[in-house]
PDB file of all heavy atoms in Angstrom:
ATOM      1  N   VAL A   1     -13.263 -18.617 -12.115  1.00  0.00           N
ATOM      2  CA  VAL A   1     -11.915 -18.540 -11.421  1.00  0.00           C
ATOM      3  C   VAL A   1     -11.180 -17.333 -11.736  1.00  0.00           C
ATOM      4  O   VAL A   1     -10.541 -16.767 -10.972  1.00  0.00           O
ATOM      5  CB  VAL A   1     -11.110 -19.848 -11.722  1.00  0.00           C
ATOM      6  CG1 VAL A   1      -9.770 -19.790 -11.309  1.00  0.00           C
ATOM      7  CG2 VAL A   1     -11.797 -21.093 -11.130  1.00  0.00           C
ATOM      8  N   LEU A   2     -11.084 -17.004 -13.036  1.00  0.00           N
ATOM      9  CA  LEU A   2     -10.443 -15.796 -13.453  1.00  0.00           C
ATOM     10  C   LEU A   2     -11.090 -14.487 -12.756  1.00  0.00           C
ATOM     11  O   LEU A   2     -10.339 -13.685 -12.380  1.00  0.00           O
ATOM     12  CB  LEU A   2     -10.579 -15.605 -14.971  1.00  0.00           C
ATOM     13  CG  LEU A   2      -9.352 -16.510 -15.718  1.00  0.00           C
ATOM     14  CD1 LEU A   2      -9.710 -16.351 -17.262  1.00  0.00           C
ATOM     15  CD2 LEU A   2      -8.049 -16.057 -15.463  1.00  0.00           C
ATOM     16  N   MET A   3     -12.346 -14.473 -12.822  1.00  0.00           N
ATOM     17  CA  MET A   3     -13.085 -13.259 -12.158  1.00  0.00           C
ATOM     18  C   MET A   3     -12.764 -13.270 -10.680  1.00  0.00           C
ATOM     19  O   MET A   3     -12.391 -12.079 -10.190  1.00  0.00           O
ATOM     20  CB  MET A   3     -14.549 -13.308 -12.431  1.00  0.00           C
ATOM     21  CG  MET A   3     -14.870 -13.018 -13.805  1.00  0.00           C
ATOM     22  SD  MET A   3     -16.640 -13.044 -14.173  1.00  0.00           S
ATOM     23  CE  MET A   3     -17.145 -11.642 -13.343  1.00  0.00           C
ATOM     24  N   LEU A   4     -12.790 -14.409 -10.038  1.00  0.00           N
ATOM     25  CA  LEU A   4     -12.509 -14.405  -8.617  1.00  0.00           C
ATOM     26  C   LEU A   4     -11.080 -14.022  -8.289  1.00  0.00           C
ATOM     27  O   LEU A   4     -10.746 -13.181  -7.370  1.00  0.00           O
ATOM     28  CB  LEU A   4     -12.760 -15.747  -8.130  1.00  0.00           C
ATOM     29  CG  LEU A   4     -12.526 -15.998  -6.537  1.00  0.00           C
ATOM     30  CD1 LEU A   4     -13.521 -15.139  -5.822  1.00  0.00           C
ATOM     31  CD2 LEU A   4     -12.729 -17.431  -6.232  1.00  0.00           C
ATOM     32  N   ALA A   5     -10.058 -14.452  -9.123  1.00  0.00           N
ATOM     33  CA  ALA A   5      -8.732 -14.139  -9.147  1.00  0.00           C
ATOM     34  C   ALA A   5      -8.601 -12.598  -9.286  1.00  0.00           C
ATOM     35  O   ALA A   5      -7.737 -11.998  -8.510  1.00  0.00           O
ATOM     36  CB  ALA A   5      -7.934 -14.849 -10.002  1.00  0.00           C
ATOM     37  N   THR A   6      -9.223 -11.977 -10.288  1.00  0.00           N
ATOM     38  CA  THR A   6      -9.119 -10.600 -10.475  1.00  0.00           C
ATOM     39  C   THR A   6      -9.607  -9.797  -9.316  1.00  0.00           C
ATOM     40  O   THR A   6      -8.949  -8.819  -8.796  1.00  0.00           O
ATOM     41  CB  THR A   6      -9.892 -10.290 -11.850  1.00  0.00           C
ATOM     42  OG1 THR A   6      -9.407 -10.995 -12.820  1.00  0.00           O
ATOM     43  CG2 THR A   6      -9.774  -8.687 -12.249  1.00  0.00           C
ATOM     44  N   VAL A   7     -10.794 -10.241  -8.787  1.00  0.00           N
ATOM     45  CA  VAL A   7     -11.341  -9.386  -7.610  1.00  0.00           C
ATOM     46  C   VAL A   7     -10.455  -9.555  -6.449  1.00  0.00           C
ATOM     47  O   VAL A   7     -10.143  -8.523  -5.743  1.00  0.00           O
ATOM     48  CB  VAL A   7     -12.816 -10.022  -7.386  1.00  0.00           C
ATOM     49  CG1 VAL A   7     -13.329  -9.518  -5.960  1.00  0.00           C
ATOM     50  CG2 VAL A   7     -13.782  -9.631  -8.519  1.00  0.00           C
ATOM     51  N   ALA A   8      -9.807 -10.683  -6.210  1.00  0.00           N
ATOM     52  CA  ALA A   8      -8.929 -11.012  -5.076  1.00  0.00           C
ATOM     53  C   ALA A   8      -7.669 -10.028  -5.238  1.00  0.00           C
ATOM     54  O   ALA A   8      -7.220  -9.435  -4.321  1.00  0.00           O
ATOM     55  CB  ALA A   8      -8.607 -12.409  -4.958  1.00  0.00           C
ATOM     56  N   THR A   9      -7.180  -9.934  -6.441  1.00  0.00           N
ATOM     57  CA  THR A   9      -6.048  -9.155  -6.766  1.00  0.00           C
ATOM     58  C   THR A   9      -6.381  -7.721  -6.504  1.00  0.00           C
ATOM     59  O   THR A   9      -5.484  -6.909  -5.880  1.00  0.00           O
ATOM     60  CB  THR A   9      -5.556  -9.411  -8.210  1.00  0.00           C
ATOM     61  OG1 THR A   9      -5.203 -10.763  -8.358  1.00  0.00           O
ATOM     62  CG2 THR A   9      -4.275  -8.527  -8.548  1.00  0.00           C
ATOM     63  N   LEU A  10      -7.458  -7.163  -7.004  1.00  0.00           N
ATOM     64  CA  LEU A  10      -7.917  -5.752  -6.859  1.00  0.00           C
ATOM     65  C   LEU A  10      -8.038  -5.385  -5.430  1.00  0.00           C
ATOM     66  O   LEU A  10      -7.799  -4.375  -4.950  1.00  0.00           O
ATOM     67  CB  LEU A  10      -9.134  -5.548  -7.675  1.00  0.00           C
ATOM     68  CG  LEU A  10      -8.896  -5.473  -9.227  1.00  0.00           C
ATOM     69  CD1 LEU A  10     -10.191  -5.365  -9.824  1.00  0.00           C
ATOM     70  CD2 LEU A  10      -7.925  -4.336  -9.629  1.00  0.00           C
ATOM     71  N   LEU A  11      -8.562  -6.305  -4.614  1.00  0.00           N
ATOM     72  CA  LEU A  11      -8.738  -6.090  -3.231  1.00  0.00           C
ATOM     73  C   LEU A  11      -7.420  -6.131  -2.331  1.00  0.00           C
ATOM     74  O   LEU A  11      -7.237  -5.552  -1.398  1.00  0.00           O
ATOM     75  CB  LEU A  11      -9.642  -7.293  -2.429  1.00  0.00           C
ATOM     76  CG  LEU A  11     -11.058  -7.098  -2.882  1.00  0.00           C
ATOM     77  CD1 LEU A  11     -11.908  -8.250  -2.330  1.00  0.00           C
ATOM     78  CD2 LEU A  11     -11.739  -5.610  -2.457  1.00  0.00           C
ATOM     79  N   PHE A  12      -6.502  -7.018  -2.860  1.00  0.00           N
ATOM     80  CA  PHE A  12      -5.246  -7.035  -2.293  1.00  0.00           C
ATOM     81  C   PHE A  12      -4.249  -6.017  -2.538  1.00  0.00           C
ATOM     82  O   PHE A  12      -3.338  -5.678  -1.680  1.00  0.00           O
ATOM     83  CB  PHE A  12      -4.627  -8.555  -2.605  1.00  0.00           C
ATOM     84  CG  PHE A  12      -3.273  -8.886  -1.951  1.00  0.00           C
ATOM     85  CD1 PHE A  12      -3.178  -9.152  -0.463  1.00  0.00           C
ATOM     86  CD2 PHE A  12      -2.155  -8.988  -2.568  1.00  0.00           C
ATOM     87  CE1 PHE A  12      -2.139  -9.530   0.127  1.00  0.00           C
ATOM     88  CE2 PHE A  12      -0.873  -9.188  -1.959  1.00  0.00           C
ATOM     89  CZ  PHE A  12      -0.972  -9.546  -0.549  1.00  0.00           C
ATOM     90  N   LEU A  13      -4.283  -5.479  -3.715  1.00  0.00           N
ATOM     91  CA  LEU A  13      -3.309  -4.397  -4.112  1.00  0.00           C
ATOM     92  C   LEU A  13      -3.245  -3.214  -3.389  1.00  0.00           C
ATOM     93  O   LEU A  13      -2.105  -2.852  -2.910  1.00  0.00           O
ATOM     94  CB  LEU A  13      -3.588  -4.003  -5.647  1.00  0.00           C
ATOM     95  CG  LEU A  13      -2.990  -4.997  -6.690  1.00  0.00           C
ATOM     96  CD1 LEU A  13      -3.398  -4.453  -8.087  1.00  0.00           C
ATOM     97  CD2 LEU A  13      -1.512  -5.052  -6.645  1.00  0.00           C
ATOM     98  N   PRO A  14      -4.404  -2.652  -2.840  1.00  0.00           N
ATOM     99  CA  PRO A  14      -4.147  -1.444  -1.925  1.00  0.00           C
ATOM    100  C   PRO A  14      -3.433  -1.757  -0.694  1.00  0.00           C
ATOM    101  O   PRO A  14      -2.751  -0.860  -0.173  1.00  0.00           O
ATOM    102  CB  PRO A  14      -5.588  -1.058  -1.607  1.00  0.00           C
ATOM    103  CG  PRO A  14      -6.508  -1.637  -2.842  1.00  0.00           C
ATOM    104  CD  PRO A  14      -5.772  -2.788  -3.273  1.00  0.00           C
ATOM    105  N   ALA A  15      -3.601  -3.013  -0.189  1.00  0.00           N
ATOM    106  CA  ALA A  15      -2.848  -3.352   1.126  1.00  0.00           C
ATOM    107  C   ALA A  15      -1.339  -3.410   0.849  1.00  0.00           C
ATOM    108  O   ALA A  15      -0.625  -3.304   1.765  1.00  0.00           O
ATOM    109  CB  ALA A  15      -3.385  -4.651   1.646  1.00  0.00           C
ATOM    110  N   CYS A  16      -1.042  -3.750  -0.452  1.00  0.00           N
ATOM    111  CA  CYS A  16       0.433  -3.801  -0.731  1.00  0.00           C
ATOM    112  C   CYS A  16       1.035  -2.586  -1.226  1.00  0.00           C
ATOM    113  O   CYS A  16       2.249  -2.658  -1.435  1.00  0.00           O
ATOM    114  CB  CYS A  16       0.597  -4.987  -1.882  1.00  0.00           C
ATOM    115  SG  CYS A  16       0.187  -6.654  -1.299  1.00  0.00           S
ATOM    116  N   GLN A  17       0.328  -1.542  -1.382  1.00  0.00           N
ATOM    117  CA  GLN A  17       0.912  -0.376  -1.932  1.00  0.00           C
ATOM    118  C   GLN A  17       1.991   0.203  -0.852  1.00  0.00           C
ATOM    119  O   GLN A  17       1.689   0.215   0.251  1.00  0.00           O
ATOM    120  CB  GLN A  17      -0.057   0.652  -2.137  1.00  0.00           C
ATOM    121  CG  GLN A  17      -0.896   0.426  -3.390  1.00  0.00           C
ATOM    122  CD  GLN A  17      -1.979   1.606  -3.577  1.00  0.00           C
ATOM    123  OE1 GLN A  17      -2.291   2.382  -2.666  1.00  0.00           O
ATOM    124  NE2 GLN A  17      -2.507   1.661  -4.807  1.00  0.00           N
ATOM    125  N   SER A  18       3.072   0.538  -1.467  1.00  0.00           N
ATOM    126  CA  SER A  18       4.161   1.002  -0.648  1.00  0.00           C
ATOM    127  C   SER A  18       4.011   2.485  -0.363  1.00  0.00           C
ATOM    128  O   SER A  18       3.312   3.201  -1.064  1.00  0.00           O
ATOM    129  CB  SER A  18       5.429   0.549  -1.214  1.00  0.00           C
ATOM    130  OG  SER A  18       5.571   1.196  -2.437  1.00  0.00           O
ATOM    131  N   MET A  19       4.590   3.003   0.679  1.00  0.00           N
ATOM    132  CA  MET A  19       4.613   4.324   0.917  1.00  0.00           C
ATOM    133  C   MET A  19       5.694   5.074   0.018  1.00  0.00           C
ATOM    134  O   MET A  19       6.800   4.495  -0.123  1.00  0.00           O
ATOM    135  CB  MET A  19       5.038   4.555   2.456  1.00  0.00           C
ATOM    136  CG  MET A  19       4.911   5.978   2.804  1.00  0.00           C
ATOM    137  SD  MET A  19       5.393   6.145   4.632  1.00  0.00           S
ATOM    138  CE  MET A  19       3.958   5.293   5.420  1.00  0.00           C
ATOM    139  N   SER A  20       5.350   6.136  -0.604  1.00  0.00           N
ATOM    140  CA  SER A  20       6.390   6.881  -1.426  1.00  0.00           C
ATOM    141  C   SER A  20       7.420   7.582  -0.414  1.00  0.00           C
ATOM    142  O   SER A  20       7.227   7.786   0.779  1.00  0.00           O
ATOM    143  CB  SER A  20       5.673   7.913  -2.212  1.00  0.00           C
ATOM    144  OG  SER A  20       5.309   9.016  -1.369  1.00  0.00           O
ATOM    145  N   THR A  21       8.462   7.974  -1.070  1.00  0.00           N
ATOM    146  CA  THR A  21       9.544   8.557  -0.280  1.00  0.00           C
ATOM    147  C   THR A  21       9.040   9.845   0.285  1.00  0.00           C
ATOM    148  O   THR A  21       9.300  10.112   1.407  1.00  0.00           O
ATOM    149  CB  THR A  21      10.766   8.859  -1.192  1.00  0.00           C
ATOM    150  OG1 THR A  21      11.123   7.703  -1.829  1.00  0.00           O
ATOM    151  CG2 THR A  21      11.845   9.449  -0.575  1.00  0.00           C
ATOM    152  N   GLU A  22       8.269  10.674  -0.354  1.00  0.00           N
ATOM    153  CA  GLU A  22       7.705  11.931   0.165  1.00  0.00           C
ATOM    154  C   GLU A  22       6.753  11.669   1.354  1.00  0.00           C
ATOM    155  O   GLU A  22       6.824  12.311   2.375  1.00  0.00           O
ATOM    156  CB  GLU A  22       7.042  12.759  -0.951  1.00  0.00           C
ATOM    157  CG  GLU A  22       8.135  13.399  -1.824  1.00  0.00           C
ATOM    158  CD  GLU A  22       9.149  14.278  -1.115  1.00  0.00           C
ATOM    159  OE1 GLU A  22       8.649  15.078  -0.194  1.00  0.00           O
ATOM    160  OE2 GLU A  22      10.312  14.138  -1.364  1.00  0.00           O
ATOM    161  N   GLU A  23       5.940  10.587   1.144  1.00  0.00           N
ATOM    162  CA  GLU A  23       4.921  10.250   2.275  1.00  0.00           C
ATOM    163  C   GLU A  23       5.672   9.819   3.465  1.00  0.00           C
ATOM    164  O   GLU A  23       5.360  10.139   4.612  1.00  0.00           O
ATOM    165  CB  GLU A  23       4.051   9.114   1.853  1.00  0.00           C
ATOM    166  CG  GLU A  23       3.023   9.530   0.817  1.00  0.00           C
ATOM    167  CD  GLU A  23       2.311   8.308   0.307  1.00  0.00           C
ATOM    168  OE1 GLU A  23       2.785   7.231   0.023  1.00  0.00           O
ATOM    169  OE2 GLU A  23       0.957   8.465   0.048  1.00  0.00           O
ATOM    170  N   LEU A  24       6.812   9.048   3.321  1.00  0.00           N
ATOM    171  CA  LEU A  24       7.522   8.559   4.468  1.00  0.00           C
ATOM    172  C   LEU A  24       8.195   9.773   5.191  1.00  0.00           C
ATOM    173  O   LEU A  24       8.078   9.894   6.397  1.00  0.00           O
ATOM    174  CB  LEU A  24       8.580   7.605   4.076  1.00  0.00           C
ATOM    175  CG  LEU A  24       9.606   7.165   5.135  1.00  0.00           C
ATOM    176  CD1 LEU A  24       8.740   6.424   6.192  1.00  0.00           C
ATOM    177  CD2 LEU A  24      10.615   6.132   4.431  1.00  0.00           C
ATOM    178  N   LYS A  25       8.785  10.633   4.434  1.00  0.00           N
ATOM    179  CA  LYS A  25       9.457  11.864   5.097  1.00  0.00           C
ATOM    180  C   LYS A  25       8.370  12.700   5.854  1.00  0.00           C
ATOM    181  O   LYS A  25       8.767  13.188   6.811  1.00  0.00           O
ATOM    182  CB  LYS A  25      10.091  12.652   3.977  1.00  0.00           C
ATOM    183  CG  LYS A  25      11.002  13.717   4.463  1.00  0.00           C
ATOM    184  CD  LYS A  25      11.905  14.382   3.525  1.00  0.00           C
ATOM    185  CE  LYS A  25      12.829  15.300   4.082  1.00  0.00           C
ATOM    186  NZ  LYS A  25      14.152  15.235   3.650  1.00  0.00           N
ATOM    187  N   LYS A  26       7.199  12.815   5.291  1.00  0.00           N
ATOM    188  CA  LYS A  26       6.164  13.675   5.991  1.00  0.00           C
ATOM    189  C   LYS A  26       5.548  12.899   7.181  1.00  0.00           C
ATOM    190  O   LYS A  26       4.884  13.469   7.829  1.00  0.00           O
ATOM    191  CB  LYS A  26       5.119  14.078   4.898  1.00  0.00           C
ATOM    192  CG  LYS A  26       5.652  15.085   3.944  1.00  0.00           C
ATOM    193  CD  LYS A  26       4.630  15.471   2.866  1.00  0.00           C
ATOM    194  CE  LYS A  26       5.185  16.448   1.916  1.00  0.00           C
ATOM    195  NZ  LYS A  26       4.204  16.728   0.878  1.00  0.00           N
ATOM    196  N   SER A  27       5.745  11.588   7.385  1.00  0.00           N
ATOM    197  CA  SER A  27       5.126  10.870   8.285  1.00  0.00           C
ATOM    198  C   SER A  27       5.910  10.665   9.543  1.00  0.00           C
ATOM    199  O   SER A  27       5.295  10.325  10.568  1.00  0.00           O
ATOM    200  CB  SER A  27       4.812   9.519   7.721  1.00  0.00           C
ATOM    201  OG  SER A  27       3.943   9.498   6.670  1.00  0.00           O
ATOM    202  N   LEU A  28       7.177  10.968   9.588  1.00  0.00           N
ATOM    203  CA  LEU A  28       8.037  10.696  10.696  1.00  0.00           C
ATOM    204  C   LEU A  28       8.566  11.963  11.241  1.00  0.00           C
ATOM    205  O   LEU A  28       9.016  12.931  10.689  1.00  0.00           O
ATOM    206  CB  LEU A  28       9.303   9.841  10.249  1.00  0.00           C
ATOM    207  CG  LEU A  28       9.114   8.598   9.661  1.00  0.00           C
ATOM    208  CD1 LEU A  28      10.432   8.050   9.253  1.00  0.00           C
ATOM    209  CD2 LEU A  28       8.419   7.535  10.684  1.00  0.00           C
ATOM    210  N   GLU A  29       8.851  11.905  12.588  1.00  0.00           N
ATOM    211  CA  GLU A  29       9.471  13.010  13.311  1.00  0.00           C
ATOM    212  C   GLU A  29      10.552  12.334  14.245  1.00  0.00           C
ATOM    213  O   GLU A  29      10.099  11.522  15.100  1.00  0.00           O
ATOM    214  CB  GLU A  29       8.530  13.965  14.109  1.00  0.00           C
ATOM    215  CG  GLU A  29       9.296  14.953  14.765  1.00  0.00           C
ATOM    216  CD  GLU A  29       8.306  15.906  15.624  1.00  0.00           C
ATOM    217  OE1 GLU A  29       7.077  15.687  15.492  1.00  0.00           O
ATOM    218  OE2 GLU A  29       8.871  16.815  16.324  1.00  0.00           O
ATOM    219  N   VAL A  30      11.781  12.635  14.223  1.00  0.00           N
ATOM    220  CA  VAL A  30      12.791  12.047  15.023  1.00  0.00           C
ATOM    221  C   VAL A  30      12.796  12.881  16.398  1.00  0.00           C
ATOM    222  O   VAL A  30      12.916  14.115  16.341  1.00  0.00           O
ATOM    223  CB  VAL A  30      14.142  11.985  14.450  1.00  0.00           C
ATOM    224  CG1 VAL A  30      15.106  11.330  15.333  1.00  0.00           C
ATOM    225  CG2 VAL A  30      14.095  11.228  13.073  1.00  0.00           C
ATOM    226  N   VAL A  31      12.618  12.164  17.505  1.00  0.00           N
ATOM    227  CA  VAL A  31      12.572  12.732  18.837  1.00  0.00           C
ATOM    228  C   VAL A  31      13.392  12.209  19.708  1.00  0.00           C
ATOM    229  O   VAL A  31      13.801  10.871  19.605  1.00  0.00           O
ATOM    230  CB  VAL A  31      11.106  12.912  19.403  1.00  0.00           C
ATOM    231  CG1 VAL A  31      10.274  13.740  18.492  1.00  0.00           C
ATOM    232  CG2 VAL A  31      10.485  11.553  19.643  1.00  0.00           C
ATOM    233  N   ASP A  32      13.870  12.787  20.937  1.00  0.00           N
ATOM    234  CA  ASP A  32      14.508  12.140  21.969  1.00  0.00           C
ATOM    235  C   ASP A  32      15.941  11.662  21.557  1.00  0.00           C
ATOM    236  O   ASP A  32      16.262  10.534  21.848  1.00  0.00           O
ATOM    237  CB  ASP A  32      13.772  11.003  22.729  1.00  0.00           C
ATOM    238  CG  ASP A  32      12.415  11.538  23.261  1.00  0.00           C
ATOM    239  OD1 ASP A  32      12.332  12.802  23.632  1.00  0.00           O
ATOM    240  OD2 ASP A  32      11.569  10.719  23.378  1.00  0.00           O
TER     241      ASP A  32
END
């Protein structure tokens, strides 16, 4: 159970990673 929980956590963490402030600024362009 512990190993399964650890594997699930490791798989789930990349999906939860947030965008850094710099990444956000470089990802958007305001138009119109």
